Amino acid sequence: MQVTIYTYDVWGNEDDGFDVNDVFTYGTYDLEDASDEGIIAFLNEHFFKNAQTLETINLDNLQQDTLWIELEQADNGKPIGRIVAKDEG
């Protein structure tokens, strides 16, 4: 499936909270494996500069009928971005 990765410009900190200031399109890619492990492998290949794991990144699928995953740092909840399946219709 075709997915688009979006990145966030985030303001704030762990103590005061985080606010997403802006959203940017990072790119559109083919995602073969939509399991949590497959998504982490996909992000490590296309997005992250340093390898991440399910222990360092939280994946939260916000929609049941389509792929819309919010990404955040597991240690402090800082928003990173999102992955959204492209509408095929």
PDB file of N, CA and C in Angstrom:
ATOM      1  N   MET A   1       0.834  -1.175   0.000  1.00  0.00           N
ATOM      2  CA  MET A   1       0.000   0.000   0.000  1.00  0.00           C
ATOM      3  C   MET A   1       0.879   1.237   0.000  1.00  0.00           C
ATOM      4  N   GLN A   2       0.386   2.282  -0.629  1.00  0.00           N
ATOM      5  CA  GLN A   2       1.084   3.565  -0.657  1.00  0.00           C
ATOM      6  C   GLN A   2       0.770   4.323   0.639  1.00  0.00           C
ATOM      7  N   VAL A   3       1.816   4.828   1.288  1.00  0.00           N
ATOM      8  CA  VAL A   3       1.652   5.622   2.500  1.00  0.00           C
ATOM      9  C   VAL A   3       2.465   6.899   2.376  1.00  0.00           C
ATOM     10  N   THR A   4       2.003   7.922   3.063  1.00  0.00           N
ATOM     11  CA  THR A   4       2.736   9.181   3.137  1.00  0.00           C
ATOM     12  C   THR A   4       3.210   9.375   4.567  1.00  0.00           C
ATOM     13  N   ILE A   5       4.475   9.757   4.701  1.00  0.00           N
ATOM     14  CA  ILE A   5       5.039  10.084   6.008  1.00  0.00           C
ATOM     15  C   ILE A   5       4.993  11.595   6.168  1.00  0.00           C
ATOM     16  N   TYR A   6       4.481  12.038   7.299  1.00  0.00           N
ATOM     17  CA  TYR A   6       4.457  13.460   7.656  1.00  0.00           C
ATOM     18  C   TYR A   6       5.333  13.652   8.884  1.00  0.00           C
ATOM     19  N   THR A   7       6.085  14.742   8.928  1.00  0.00           N
ATOM     20  CA  THR A   7       6.899  15.076  10.092  1.00  0.00           C
ATOM     21  C   THR A   7       6.318  16.306  10.775  1.00  0.00           C
ATOM     22  N   TYR A   8       6.624  16.441  12.043  1.00  0.00           N
ATOM     23  CA  TYR A   8       6.107  17.554  12.835  1.00  0.00           C
ATOM     24  C   TYR A   8       7.220  18.500  13.257  1.00  0.00           C
ATOM     25  N   ASP A   9       6.926  19.787  13.223  1.00  0.00           N
ATOM     26  CA  ASP A   9       7.733  20.798  13.889  1.00  0.00           C
ATOM     27  C   ASP A   9       7.106  20.944  15.271  1.00  0.00           C
ATOM     28  N   VAL A  10       7.844  20.570  16.299  1.00  0.00           N
ATOM     29  CA  VAL A  10       7.281  20.494  17.653  1.00  0.00           C
ATOM     30  C   VAL A  10       7.928  21.535  18.548  1.00  0.00           C
ATOM     31  N   TRP A  11       7.078  22.234  19.285  1.00  0.00           N
ATOM     32  CA  TRP A  11       7.533  23.188  20.296  1.00  0.00           C
ATOM     33  C   TRP A  11       7.253  22.606  21.670  1.00  0.00           C
ATOM     34  N   GLY A  12       7.999  23.071  22.655  1.00  0.00           N
ATOM     35  CA  GLY A  12       7.747  22.670  24.031  1.00  0.00           C
ATOM     36  C   GLY A  12       8.789  21.692  24.536  1.00  0.00           C
ATOM     37  N   ASN A  13       8.450  21.107  25.698  1.00  0.00           N
ATOM     38  CA  ASN A  13       9.360  20.159  26.321  1.00  0.00           C
ATOM     39  C   ASN A  13       8.553  19.179  27.169  1.00  0.00           C
ATOM     40  N   GLU A  14       9.258  18.228  27.731  1.00  0.00           N
ATOM     41  CA  GLU A  14       8.615  17.173  28.507  1.00  0.00           C
ATOM     42  C   GLU A  14       7.879  17.731  29.725  1.00  0.00           C
ATOM     43  N   ASP A  15       8.443  18.731  30.379  1.00  0.00           N
ATOM     44  CA  ASP A  15       7.833  19.282  31.595  1.00  0.00           C
ATOM     45  C   ASP A  15       6.579  20.105  31.302  1.00  0.00           C
ATOM     46  N   ASP A  16       6.645  20.954  30.279  1.00  0.00           N
ATOM     47  CA  ASP A  16       5.533  21.854  29.980  1.00  0.00           C
ATOM     48  C   ASP A  16       4.559  21.293  28.950  1.00  0.00           C
ATOM     49  N   GLY A  17       4.965  20.234  28.291  1.00  0.00           N
ATOM     50  CA  GLY A  17       4.132  19.633  27.253  1.00  0.00           C
ATOM     51  C   GLY A  17       4.612  20.027  25.867  1.00  0.00           C
ATOM     52  N   PHE A  18       4.139  19.283  24.887  1.00  0.00           N
ATOM     53  CA  PHE A  18       4.540  19.502  23.497  1.00  0.00           C
ATOM     54  C   PHE A  18       3.359  19.999  22.690  1.00  0.00           C
ATOM     55  N   ASP A  19       3.645  20.869  21.729  1.00  0.00           N
ATOM     56  CA  ASP A  19       2.650  21.360  20.781  1.00  0.00           C
ATOM     57  C   ASP A  19       3.200  21.192  19.379  1.00  0.00           C
ATOM     58  N   VAL A  20       2.372  20.650  18.489  1.00  0.00           N
ATOM     59  CA  VAL A  20       2.770  20.549  17.092  1.00  0.00           C
ATOM     60  C   VAL A  20       2.516  21.908  16.454  1.00  0.00           C
ATOM     61  N   ASN A  21       3.599  22.541  15.993  1.00  0.00           N
ATOM     62  CA  ASN A  21       3.532  23.867  15.388  1.00  0.00           C
ATOM     63  C   ASN A  21       3.202  23.791  13.904  1.00  0.00           C
ATOM     64  N   ASP A  22       3.721  22.769  13.218  1.00  0.00           N
ATOM     65  CA  ASP A  22       3.518  22.662  11.777  1.00  0.00           C
ATOM     66  C   ASP A  22       3.702  21.215  11.359  1.00  0.00           C
ATOM     67  N   VAL A  23       3.164  20.864  10.198  1.00  0.00           N
ATOM     68  CA  VAL A  23       3.242  19.516   9.646  1.00  0.00           C
ATOM     69  C   VAL A  23       3.831  19.616   8.242  1.00  0.00           C
ATOM     70  N   PHE A  24       4.779  18.719   7.944  1.00  0.00           N
ATOM     71  CA  PHE A  24       5.441  18.708   6.644  1.00  0.00           C
ATOM     72  C   PHE A  24       5.340  17.326   6.017  1.00  0.00           C
ATOM     73  N   THR A  25       5.163  17.280   4.705  1.00  0.00           N
ATOM     74  CA  THR A  25       5.173  16.011   3.989  1.00  0.00           C
ATOM     75  C   THR A  25       6.617  15.590   3.790  1.00  0.00           C
ATOM     76  N   TYR A  26       6.947  14.398   4.280  1.00  0.00           N
ATOM     77  CA  TYR A  26       8.305  13.872   4.151  1.00  0.00           C
ATOM     78  C   TYR A  26       8.461  13.096   2.842  1.00  0.00           C
ATOM     79  N   GLY A  27       7.443  12.303   2.478  1.00  0.00           N
ATOM     80  CA  GLY A  27       7.504  11.541   1.240  1.00  0.00           C
ATOM     81  C   GLY A  27       6.447  10.461   1.195  1.00  0.00           C
ATOM     82  N   THR A  28       6.274   9.874   0.013  1.00  0.00           N
ATOM     83  CA  THR A  28       5.320   8.793  -0.199  1.00  0.00           C
ATOM     84  C   THR A  28       6.087   7.543  -0.609  1.00  0.00           C
ATOM     85  N   TYR A  29       5.717   6.414   0.001  1.00  0.00           N
ATOM     86  CA  TYR A  29       6.457   5.170  -0.169  1.00  0.00           C
ATOM     87  C   TYR A  29       5.488   3.991  -0.233  1.00  0.00           C
ATOM     88  N   ASP A  30       6.014   2.838  -0.669  1.00  0.00           N
ATOM     89  CA  ASP A  30       5.262   1.586  -0.615  1.00  0.00           C
ATOM     90  C   ASP A  30       5.550   0.906   0.711  1.00  0.00           C
ATOM     91  N   LEU A  31       4.498   0.576   1.445  1.00  0.00           N
ATOM     92  CA  LEU A  31       4.612  -0.160   2.700  1.00  0.00           C
ATOM     93  C   LEU A  31       4.101  -1.567   2.454  1.00  0.00           C
ATOM     94  N   GLU A  32       4.968  -2.551   2.595  1.00  0.00           N
ATOM     95  CA  GLU A  32       4.600  -3.947   2.325  1.00  0.00           C
ATOM     96  C   GLU A  32       4.008  -4.637   3.543  1.00  0.00           C
ATOM     97  N   ASP A  33       4.533  -4.345   4.730  1.00  0.00           N
ATOM     98  CA  ASP A  33       4.137  -5.036   5.958  1.00  0.00           C
ATOM     99  C   ASP A  33       3.601  -4.019   6.953  1.00  0.00           C
ATOM    100  N   ALA A  34       2.293  -4.055   7.218  1.00  0.00           N
ATOM    101  CA  ALA A  34       1.668  -3.069   8.105  1.00  0.00           C
ATOM    102  C   ALA A  34       1.614  -3.517   9.562  1.00  0.00           C
ATOM    103  N   SER A  35       2.337  -4.589   9.914  1.00  0.00           N
ATOM    104  CA  SER A  35       2.436  -4.971  11.326  1.00  0.00           C
ATOM    105  C   SER A  35       3.310  -3.948  12.043  1.00  0.00           C
ATOM    106  N   ASP A  36       3.267  -3.917  13.361  1.00  0.00           N
ATOM    107  CA  ASP A  36       4.102  -2.975  14.110  1.00  0.00           C
ATOM    108  C   ASP A  36       5.581  -3.145  13.765  1.00  0.00           C
ATOM    109  N   GLU A  37       6.037  -4.397  13.714  1.00  0.00           N
ATOM    110  CA  GLU A  37       7.438  -4.664  13.399  1.00  0.00           C
ATOM    111  C   GLU A  37       7.767  -4.222  11.967  1.00  0.00           C
ATOM    112  N   GLY A  38       6.841  -4.458  11.035  1.00  0.00           N
ATOM    113  CA  GLY A  38       7.044  -4.047   9.652  1.00  0.00           C
ATOM    114  C   GLY A  38       7.108  -2.538   9.506  1.00  0.00           C
ATOM    115  N   ILE A  39       6.282  -1.837  10.274  1.00  0.00           N
ATOM    116  CA  ILE A  39       6.281  -0.369  10.224  1.00  0.00           C
ATOM    117  C   ILE A  39       7.583   0.189  10.784  1.00  0.00           C
ATOM    118  N   ILE A  40       8.083  -0.380  11.884  1.00  0.00           N
ATOM    119  CA  ILE A  40       9.366   0.068  12.442  1.00  0.00           C
ATOM    120  C   ILE A  40      10.488  -0.182  11.437  1.00  0.00           C
ATOM    121  N   ALA A  41      10.507  -1.357  10.797  1.00  0.00           N
ATOM    122  CA  ALA A  41      11.536  -1.650   9.791  1.00  0.00           C
ATOM    123  C   ALA A  41      11.435  -0.663   8.626  1.00  0.00           C
ATOM    124  N   PHE A  42      10.217  -0.373   8.187  1.00  0.00           N
ATOM    125  CA  PHE A  42       9.973   0.588   7.110  1.00  0.00           C
ATOM    126  C   PHE A  42      10.497   1.975   7.493  1.00  0.00           C
ATOM    127  N   LEU A  43      10.178   2.435   8.708  1.00  0.00           N
ATOM    128  CA  LEU A  43      10.636   3.747   9.165  1.00  0.00           C
ATOM    129  C   LEU A  43      12.155   3.795   9.291  1.00  0.00           C
ATOM    130  N   ASN A  44      12.754   2.705   9.759  1.00  0.00           N
ATOM    131  CA  ASN A  44      14.212   2.669   9.864  1.00  0.00           C
ATOM    132  C   ASN A  44      14.859   2.755   8.483  1.00  0.00           C
ATOM    133  N   GLU A  45      14.215   2.201   7.477  1.00  0.00           N
ATOM    134  CA  GLU A  45      14.750   2.247   6.121  1.00  0.00           C
ATOM    135  C   GLU A  45      14.571   3.616   5.467  1.00  0.00           C
ATOM    136  N   HIS A  46      13.415   4.249   5.695  1.00  0.00           N
ATOM    137  CA  HIS A  46      13.068   5.452   4.940  1.00  0.00           C
ATOM    138  C   HIS A  46      13.116   6.763   5.729  1.00  0.00           C
ATOM    139  N   PHE A  47      13.084   6.705   7.053  1.00  0.00           N
ATOM    140  CA  PHE A  47      12.842   7.934   7.810  1.00  0.00           C
ATOM    141  C   PHE A  47      13.891   8.201   8.889  1.00  0.00           C
ATOM    142  N   PHE A  48      14.064   7.280   9.818  1.00  0.00           N
ATOM    143  CA  PHE A  48      14.955   7.521  10.947  1.00  0.00           C
ATOM    144  C   PHE A  48      16.413   7.400  10.530  1.00  0.00           C
ATOM    145  N   LYS A  49      17.243   8.265  11.087  1.00  0.00           N
ATOM    146  CA  LYS A  49      18.681   8.183  10.832  1.00  0.00           C
ATOM    147  C   LYS A  49      19.332   7.142  11.734  1.00  0.00           C
ATOM    148  N   ASN A  50      18.809   6.982  12.948  1.00  0.00           N
ATOM    149  CA  ASN A  50      19.309   5.984  13.892  1.00  0.00           C
ATOM    150  C   ASN A  50      18.224   4.929  14.083  1.00  0.00           C
ATOM    151  N   ALA A  51      18.625   3.678  14.112  1.00  0.00           N
ATOM    152  CA  ALA A  51      17.656   2.581  14.222  1.00  0.00           C
ATOM    153  C   ALA A  51      16.791   2.732  15.470  1.00  0.00           C
ATOM    154  N   GLN A  52      15.493   2.547  15.282  1.00  0.00           N
ATOM    155  CA  GLN A  52      14.523   2.622  16.372  1.00  0.00           C
ATOM    156  C   GLN A  52      13.868   1.252  16.567  1.00  0.00           C
ATOM    157  N   THR A  53      13.212   1.079  17.709  1.00  0.00           N
ATOM    158  CA  THR A  53      12.522  -0.175  18.013  1.00  0.00           C
ATOM    159  C   THR A  53      11.142   0.157  18.573  1.00  0.00           C
ATOM    160  N   LEU A  54      10.353  -0.878  18.826  1.00  0.00           N
ATOM    161  CA  LEU A  54       9.040  -0.662  19.448  1.00  0.00           C
ATOM    162  C   LEU A  54       9.182  -0.178  20.893  1.00  0.00           C
ATOM    163  N   GLU A  55      10.384  -0.279  21.464  1.00  0.00           N
ATOM    164  CA  GLU A  55      10.622   0.240  22.813  1.00  0.00           C
ATOM    165  C   GLU A  55      10.926   1.734  22.802  1.00  0.00           C
ATOM    166  N   THR A  56      11.367   2.272  21.660  1.00  0.00           N
ATOM    167  CA  THR A  56      11.739   3.688  21.609  1.00  0.00           C
ATOM    168  C   THR A  56      10.706   4.551  20.884  1.00  0.00           C
ATOM    169  N   ILE A  57       9.820   3.925  20.113  1.00  0.00           N
ATOM    170  CA  ILE A  57       8.807   4.648  19.347  1.00  0.00           C
ATOM    171  C   ILE A  57       7.430   4.053  19.639  1.00  0.00           C
ATOM    172  N   ASN A  58       6.476   4.906  19.977  1.00  0.00           N
ATOM    173  CA  ASN A  58       5.094   4.460  20.143  1.00  0.00           C
ATOM    174  C   ASN A  58       4.358   4.615  18.818  1.00  0.00           C
ATOM    175  N   LEU A  59       3.607   3.573  18.440  1.00  0.00           N
ATOM    176  CA  LEU A  59       2.764   3.595  17.253  1.00  0.00           C
ATOM    177  C   LEU A  59       1.322   3.562  17.718  1.00  0.00           C
ATOM    178  N   ASP A  60       0.523   4.516  17.305  1.00  0.00           N
ATOM    179  CA  ASP A  60      -0.876   4.578  17.712  1.00  0.00           C
ATOM    180  C   ASP A  60      -1.740   4.729  16.468  1.00  0.00           C
ATOM    181  N   ASN A  61      -2.403   3.624  16.060  1.00  0.00           N
ATOM    182  CA  ASN A  61      -3.277   3.671  14.886  1.00  0.00           C
ATOM    183  C   ASN A  61      -4.594   4.317  15.303  1.00  0.00           C
ATOM    184  N   LEU A  62      -4.856   5.506  14.802  1.00  0.00           N
ATOM    185  CA  LEU A  62      -6.005   6.294  15.229  1.00  0.00           C
ATOM    186  C   LEU A  62      -7.295   5.955  14.489  1.00  0.00           C
ATOM    187  N   GLN A  63      -7.204   5.184  13.407  1.00  0.00           N
ATOM    188  CA  GLN A  63      -8.415   4.849  12.657  1.00  0.00           C
ATOM    189  C   GLN A  63      -8.459   3.351  12.439  1.00  0.00           C
ATOM    190  N   GLN A  64      -9.622   2.776  12.587  1.00  0.00           N
ATOM    191  CA  GLN A  64      -9.772   1.338  12.443  1.00  0.00           C
ATOM    192  C   GLN A  64      -9.900   0.911  10.988  1.00  0.00           C
ATOM    193  N   ASP A  65     -10.492   1.756  10.130  1.00  0.00           N
ATOM    194  CA  ASP A  65     -10.786   1.353   8.763  1.00  0.00           C
ATOM    195  C   ASP A  65      -9.676   1.679   7.770  1.00  0.00           C
ATOM    196  N   THR A  66      -8.658   2.399   8.180  1.00  0.00           N
ATOM    197  CA  THR A  66      -7.540   2.725   7.305  1.00  0.00           C
ATOM    198  C   THR A  66      -6.293   2.907   8.158  1.00  0.00           C
ATOM    199  N   LEU A  67      -5.161   2.967   7.522  1.00  0.00           N
ATOM    200  CA  LEU A  67      -3.908   3.148   8.243  1.00  0.00           C
ATOM    201  C   LEU A  67      -3.667   4.640   8.483  1.00  0.00           C
ATOM    202  N   TRP A  68      -3.630   5.042   9.742  1.00  0.00           N
ATOM    203  CA  TRP A  68      -3.301   6.414  10.171  1.00  0.00           C
ATOM    204  C   TRP A  68      -2.593   6.261  11.506  1.00  0.00           C
ATOM    205  N   ILE A  69      -1.274   6.281  11.476  1.00  0.00           N
ATOM    206  CA  ILE A  69      -0.491   5.989  12.674  1.00  0.00           C
ATOM    207  C   ILE A  69       0.252   7.231  13.128  1.00  0.00           C
ATOM    208  N   GLU A  70       0.039   7.583  14.384  1.00  0.00           N
ATOM    209  CA  GLU A  70       0.784   8.676  15.005  1.00  0.00           C
ATOM    210  C   GLU A  70       2.045   8.094  15.630  1.00  0.00           C
ATOM    211  N   LEU A  71       3.161   8.803  15.469  1.00  0.00           N
ATOM    212  CA  LEU A  71       4.454   8.388  15.994  1.00  0.00           C
ATOM    213  C   LEU A  71       4.878   9.339  17.096  1.00  0.00           C
ATOM    214  N   GLU A  72       5.354   8.768  18.202  1.00  0.00           N
ATOM    215  CA  GLU A  72       5.891   9.616  19.268  1.00  0.00           C
ATOM    216  C   GLU A  72       7.026   8.890  19.962  1.00  0.00           C
ATOM    217  N   GLN A  73       7.924   9.668  20.557  1.00  0.00           N
ATOM    218  CA  GLN A  73       9.013   9.094  21.331  1.00  0.00           C
ATOM    219  C   GLN A  73       8.432   8.426  22.564  1.00  0.00           C
ATOM    220  N   ALA A  74       8.837   7.201  22.814  1.00  0.00           N
ATOM    221  CA  ALA A  74       8.291   6.443  23.937  1.00  0.00           C
ATOM    222  C   ALA A  74       8.728   6.994  25.285  1.00  0.00           C
ATOM    223  N   ASP A  75       9.925   7.586  25.367  1.00  0.00           N
ATOM    224  CA  ASP A  75      10.441   8.014  26.665  1.00  0.00           C
ATOM    225  C   ASP A  75       9.796   9.286  27.201  1.00  0.00           C
ATOM    226  N   ASN A  76       9.325  10.168  26.294  1.00  0.00           N
ATOM    227  CA  ASN A  76       8.766  11.428  26.799  1.00  0.00           C
ATOM    228  C   ASN A  76       7.478  11.868  26.104  1.00  0.00           C
ATOM    229  N   GLY A  77       6.998  11.093  25.144  1.00  0.00           N
ATOM    230  CA  GLY A  77       5.743  11.431  24.470  1.00  0.00           C
ATOM    231  C   GLY A  77       5.840  12.511  23.416  1.00  0.00           C
ATOM    232  N   LYS A  78       7.060  12.911  23.036  1.00  0.00           N
ATOM    233  CA  LYS A  78       7.210  13.961  22.028  1.00  0.00           C
ATOM    234  C   LYS A  78       6.697  13.466  20.677  1.00  0.00           C
ATOM    235  N   PRO A  79       5.757  14.196  20.061  1.00  0.00           N
ATOM    236  CA  PRO A  79       5.262  13.809  18.743  1.00  0.00           C
ATOM    237  C   PRO A  79       6.371  13.877  17.699  1.00  0.00           C
ATOM    238  N   ILE A  80       6.395  12.885  16.797  1.00  0.00           N
ATOM    239  CA  ILE A  80       7.404  12.829  15.736  1.00  0.00           C
ATOM    240  C   ILE A  80       6.764  13.079  14.380  1.00  0.00           C
ATOM    241  N   GLY A  81       5.636  12.435  14.137  1.00  0.00           N
ATOM    242  CA  GLY A  81       4.995  12.548  12.850  1.00  0.00           C
ATOM    243  C   GLY A  81       3.878  11.528  12.723  1.00  0.00           C
ATOM    244  N   ARG A  82       3.504  11.240  11.477  1.00  0.00           N
ATOM    245  CA  ARG A  82       2.453  10.253  11.264  1.00  0.00           C
ATOM    246  C   ARG A  82       2.635   9.587   9.898  1.00  0.00           C
ATOM    247  N   ILE A  83       2.045   8.420   9.779  1.00  0.00           N
ATOM    248  CA  ILE A  83       2.000   7.666   8.534  1.00  0.00           C
ATOM    249  C   ILE A  83       0.527   7.515   8.168  1.00  0.00           C
ATOM    250  N   VAL A  84       0.188   7.863   6.926  1.00  0.00           N
ATOM    251  CA  VAL A  84      -1.203   7.786   6.486  1.00  0.00           C
ATOM    252  C   VAL A  84      -1.248   7.045   5.156  1.00  0.00           C
ATOM    253  N   ALA A  85      -2.162   6.071   5.053  1.00  0.00           N
ATOM    254  CA  ALA A  85      -2.352   5.363   3.793  1.00  0.00           C
ATOM    255  C   ALA A  85      -2.976   6.323   2.780  1.00  0.00           C
ATOM    256  N   LYS A  86      -2.466   6.268   1.550  1.00  0.00           N
ATOM    257  CA  LYS A  86      -3.031   7.114   0.507  1.00  0.00           C
ATOM    258  C   LYS A  86      -4.400   6.580   0.099  1.00  0.00           C
ATOM    259  N   ASP A  87      -5.319   7.498  -0.115  1.00  0.00           N
ATOM    260  CA  ASP A  87      -6.658   7.139  -0.577  1.00  0.00           C
ATOM    261  C   ASP A  87      -6.557   6.603  -1.993  1.00  0.00           C
ATOM    262  N   GLU A  88      -7.053   5.380  -2.183  1.00  0.00           N
ATOM    263  CA  GLU A  88      -6.969   4.759  -3.505  1.00  0.00           C
ATOM    264  C   GLU A  88      -8.220   4.960  -4.319  1.00  0.00           C
ATOM    265  N   GLY A  89      -9.116   5.827  -3.877  1.00  0.00           N
ATOM    266  CA  GLY A  89     -10.363   6.015  -4.600  1.00  0.00           C
ATOM    267  C   GLY A  89     -10.521   7.346  -5.164  1.00  0.00           C
TER     268      GLY A  89
END
